[in-house]
Amino acid sequence: MTALLLAIVVWLGFQPRDKSLNLFPDAYRPSYARYLLRHPVTIIKPATDTREFKVTPSEVDISLSGDQKVLENLRGSEVRASVDVVTFNSKTNELPIVVTFPVSGGIKLERVTPERVQVELLKE
């Protein structure tokens, strides 16, 4: 009797994701990854700010995880790696990268490499 009960639980628990009888919806759901290599870094500054900046490196690697279908349909232009220079002063030359992407679909940021970039003021 125990073996039969265990077999039924296992059979119901390992049904495909698109069926509603899955007893363990998150326990065995595989997480897929998408890598955006050499993604450009955008500088965020007010339109009235005429200063010129150099960002080194100008490209970063981004790793995202989530549902396979959502990640496959995600366009590279929907992901943005940016550095905010609004509060930049001459003493600060290393700023963090901020990655934005659509919040719908359960996408999760896994890693940004590098996490910080060097920002150099070229012209005031």
C-alpha atoms as a PDB file:
ATOM      1  CA  MET A   1       0.000   0.000   0.000  1.00  0.00           C
ATOM      2  CA  THR A   2       2.857   2.388   0.868  1.00  0.00           C
ATOM      3  CA  ALA A   3       4.594   1.647  -2.431  1.00  0.00           C
ATOM      4  CA  LEU A   4       1.401   2.317  -4.380  1.00  0.00           C
ATOM      5  CA  LEU A   5       0.842   5.625  -2.567  1.00  0.00           C
ATOM      6  CA  LEU A   6       4.461   6.649  -3.141  1.00  0.00           C
ATOM      7  CA  ALA A   7       4.200   5.755  -6.842  1.00  0.00           C
ATOM      8  CA  ILE A   8       1.081   7.917  -7.232  1.00  0.00           C
ATOM      9  CA  VAL A   9       2.695  10.888  -5.487  1.00  0.00           C
ATOM     10  CA  VAL A  10       5.820  10.591  -7.637  1.00  0.00           C
ATOM     11  CA  TRP A  11       3.751  10.218 -10.819  1.00  0.00           C
ATOM     12  CA  LEU A  12       1.662  13.311 -10.016  1.00  0.00           C
ATOM     13  CA  GLY A  13       4.675  15.293  -8.859  1.00  0.00           C
ATOM     14  CA  PHE A  14       6.680  14.805 -12.049  1.00  0.00           C
ATOM     15  CA  GLN A  15       4.002  15.740 -14.577  1.00  0.00           C
ATOM     16  CA  PRO A  16       4.986  18.315 -17.253  1.00  0.00           C
ATOM     17  CA  ARG A  17       4.844  21.955 -16.212  1.00  0.00           C
ATOM     18  CA  ASP A  18       1.934  22.834 -18.478  1.00  0.00           C
ATOM     19  CA  LYS A  19      -0.424  20.490 -16.606  1.00  0.00           C
ATOM     20  CA  SER A  20      -2.116  21.724 -13.445  1.00  0.00           C
ATOM     21  CA  LEU A  21      -1.698  18.544 -11.346  1.00  0.00           C
ATOM     22  CA  ASN A  22       1.935  19.166 -10.467  1.00  0.00           C
ATOM     23  CA  LEU A  23       2.247  18.701  -6.692  1.00  0.00           C
ATOM     24  CA  PHE A  24       5.724  20.268  -6.575  1.00  0.00           C
ATOM     25  CA  PRO A  25       5.466  23.337  -8.833  1.00  0.00           C
ATOM     26  CA  ASP A  26       8.765  24.961  -7.862  1.00  0.00           C
ATOM     27  CA  ALA A  27      10.784  22.081  -6.481  1.00  0.00           C
ATOM     28  CA  TYR A  28      11.947  20.665  -9.808  1.00  0.00           C
ATOM     29  CA  ARG A  29      11.435  23.595 -12.154  1.00  0.00           C
ATOM     30  CA  PRO A  30      14.674  24.064 -14.043  1.00  0.00           C
ATOM     31  CA  SER A  31      16.080  27.563 -14.127  1.00  0.00           C
ATOM     32  CA  TYR A  32      17.428  28.667 -17.473  1.00  0.00           C
ATOM     33  CA  ALA A  33      20.202  31.180 -18.013  1.00  0.00           C
ATOM     34  CA  ARG A  34      20.806  33.759 -20.691  1.00  0.00           C
ATOM     35  CA  TYR A  35      24.120  35.494 -21.142  1.00  0.00           C
ATOM     36  CA  LEU A  36      24.519  38.890 -22.770  1.00  0.00           C
ATOM     37  CA  LEU A  37      28.189  39.224 -23.568  1.00  0.00           C
ATOM     38  CA  ARG A  38      29.805  42.564 -24.311  1.00  0.00           C
ATOM     39  CA  HIS A  39      26.632  44.518 -23.556  1.00  0.00           C
ATOM     40  CA  PRO A  40      27.220  48.295 -23.893  1.00  0.00           C
ATOM     41  CA  VAL A  41      27.195  50.555 -20.842  1.00  0.00           C
ATOM     42  CA  THR A  42      24.974  53.643 -21.052  1.00  0.00           C
ATOM     43  CA  ILE A  43      25.769  56.880 -19.213  1.00  0.00           C
ATOM     44  CA  ILE A  44      22.843  58.448 -17.359  1.00  0.00           C
ATOM     45  CA  LYS A  45      23.052  62.221 -16.962  1.00  0.00           C
ATOM     46  CA  PRO A  46      20.694  65.202 -17.213  1.00  0.00           C
ATOM     47  CA  ALA A  47      20.218  66.749 -20.658  1.00  0.00           C
ATOM     48  CA  THR A  48      21.674  70.011 -19.337  1.00  0.00           C
ATOM     49  CA  ASP A  49      24.925  68.316 -18.263  1.00  0.00           C
ATOM     50  CA  THR A  50      27.486  69.086 -20.981  1.00  0.00           C
ATOM     51  CA  ARG A  51      30.369  67.215 -19.379  1.00  0.00           C
ATOM     52  CA  GLU A  52      31.976  64.402 -21.370  1.00  0.00           C
ATOM     53  CA  PHE A  53      32.863  61.091 -19.744  1.00  0.00           C
ATOM     54  CA  LYS A  54      34.839  58.011 -20.618  1.00  0.00           C
ATOM     55  CA  VAL A  55      33.693  54.685 -19.150  1.00  0.00           C
ATOM     56  CA  THR A  56      36.188  51.829 -18.863  1.00  0.00           C
ATOM     57  CA  PRO A  57      35.272  49.131 -19.729  1.00  0.00           C
ATOM     58  CA  SER A  58      32.513  50.319 -22.031  1.00  0.00           C
ATOM     59  CA  GLU A  59      30.932  46.839 -22.185  1.00  0.00           C
ATOM     60  CA  VAL A  60      29.898  44.345 -19.496  1.00  0.00           C
ATOM     61  CA  ASP A  61      28.775  40.705 -19.381  1.00  0.00           C
ATOM     62  CA  ILE A  62      25.295  40.103 -17.953  1.00  0.00           C
ATOM     63  CA  SER A  63      23.857  36.809 -16.722  1.00  0.00           C
ATOM     64  CA  LEU A  64      20.083  36.455 -16.313  1.00  0.00           C
ATOM     65  CA  SER A  65      18.015  33.489 -15.139  1.00  0.00           C
ATOM     66  CA  GLY A  66      14.343  32.620 -15.318  1.00  0.00           C
ATOM     67  CA  ASP A  67      11.739  30.905 -17.444  1.00  0.00           C
ATOM     68  CA  GLN A  68      13.107  29.563 -20.728  1.00  0.00           C
ATOM     69  CA  LYS A  69      10.366  31.031 -22.942  1.00  0.00           C
ATOM     70  CA  VAL A  70      10.631  34.482 -21.354  1.00  0.00           C
ATOM     71  CA  LEU A  71      14.415  34.541 -21.726  1.00  0.00           C
ATOM     72  CA  GLU A  72      14.254  33.348 -25.336  1.00  0.00           C
ATOM     73  CA  ASN A  73      11.811  36.138 -26.210  1.00  0.00           C
ATOM     74  CA  LEU A  74      13.819  38.813 -24.383  1.00  0.00           C
ATOM     75  CA  ARG A  75      15.489  41.205 -26.808  1.00  0.00           C
ATOM     76  CA  GLY A  76      18.930  42.535 -25.993  1.00  0.00           C
ATOM     77  CA  SER A  77      17.618  46.082 -26.362  1.00  0.00           C
ATOM     78  CA  GLU A  78      15.235  45.471 -23.432  1.00  0.00           C
ATOM     79  CA  VAL A  79      18.204  45.019 -21.091  1.00  0.00           C
ATOM     80  CA  ARG A  80      20.127  48.121 -20.094  1.00  0.00           C
ATOM     81  CA  ALA A  81      23.434  48.393 -18.262  1.00  0.00           C
ATOM     82  CA  SER A  82      23.975  51.942 -17.082  1.00  0.00           C
ATOM     83  CA  VAL A  83      26.115  54.086 -14.863  1.00  0.00           C
ATOM     84  CA  ASP A  84      24.679  57.193 -13.197  1.00  0.00           C
ATOM     85  CA  VAL A  85      27.041  60.200 -13.357  1.00  0.00           C
ATOM     86  CA  VAL A  86      24.597  62.754 -11.920  1.00  0.00           C
ATOM     87  CA  THR A  87      26.404  62.782  -8.563  1.00  0.00           C
ATOM     88  CA  PHE A  88      29.843  62.288 -10.109  1.00  0.00           C
ATOM     89  CA  ASN A  89      32.598  64.407  -8.611  1.00  0.00           C
ATOM     90  CA  SER A  90      36.278  64.540  -9.449  1.00  0.00           C
ATOM     91  CA  LYS A  91      37.197  62.380  -6.444  1.00  0.00           C
ATOM     92  CA  THR A  92      34.950  59.491  -7.454  1.00  0.00           C
ATOM     93  CA  ASN A  93      36.121  57.519 -10.422  1.00  0.00           C
ATOM     94  CA  GLU A  94      34.595  54.089  -9.828  1.00  0.00           C
ATOM     95  CA  LEU A  95      30.822  53.730 -10.076  1.00  0.00           C
ATOM     96  CA  PRO A  96      28.456  50.717  -9.873  1.00  0.00           C
ATOM     97  CA  ILE A  97      26.655  49.294 -12.896  1.00  0.00           C
ATOM     98  CA  VAL A  98      22.853  49.255 -12.686  1.00  0.00           C
ATOM     99  CA  VAL A  99      21.077  46.687 -14.865  1.00  0.00           C
ATOM    100  CA  THR A 100      17.417  47.183 -15.783  1.00  0.00           C
ATOM    101  CA  PHE A 101      15.158  44.750 -17.634  1.00  0.00           C
ATOM    102  CA  PRO A 102      11.425  43.973 -17.834  1.00  0.00           C
ATOM    103  CA  VAL A 103      10.186  42.900 -14.410  1.00  0.00           C
ATOM    104  CA  SER A 104       7.390  40.738 -15.796  1.00  0.00           C
ATOM    105  CA  GLY A 105       8.188  37.115 -16.437  1.00  0.00           C
ATOM    106  CA  GLY A 106      10.225  36.391 -13.326  1.00  0.00           C
ATOM    107  CA  ILE A 107      13.623  37.308 -14.742  1.00  0.00           C
ATOM    108  CA  LYS A 108      16.397  37.477 -12.169  1.00  0.00           C
ATOM    109  CA  LEU A 109      19.788  39.153 -12.473  1.00  0.00           C
ATOM    110  CA  GLU A 110      22.467  36.623 -11.582  1.00  0.00           C
ATOM    111  CA  ARG A 111      25.669  38.533 -12.252  1.00  0.00           C
ATOM    112  CA  VAL A 112      27.229  41.561 -13.929  1.00  0.00           C
ATOM    113  CA  THR A 113      30.911  41.408 -14.785  1.00  0.00           C
ATOM    114  CA  PRO A 114      32.469  43.765 -13.866  1.00  0.00           C
ATOM    115  CA  GLU A 115      30.174  45.148 -11.179  1.00  0.00           C
ATOM    116  CA  ARG A 116      31.833  48.581 -11.228  1.00  0.00           C
ATOM    117  CA  VAL A 117      33.423  50.672 -13.981  1.00  0.00           C
ATOM    118  CA  GLN A 118      35.979  53.440 -14.040  1.00  0.00           C
ATOM    119  CA  VAL A 119      34.523  56.800 -15.038  1.00  0.00           C
ATOM    120  CA  GLU A 120      36.839  59.546 -16.209  1.00  0.00           C
ATOM    121  CA  LEU A 121      35.810  63.168 -16.734  1.00  0.00           C
ATOM    122  CA  LEU A 122      37.169  64.214 -20.140  1.00  0.00           C
ATOM    123  CA  LYS A 123      35.698  67.687 -20.503  1.00  0.00           C
ATOM    124  CA  GLU A 124      33.779  69.971 -18.150  1.00  0.00           C
END
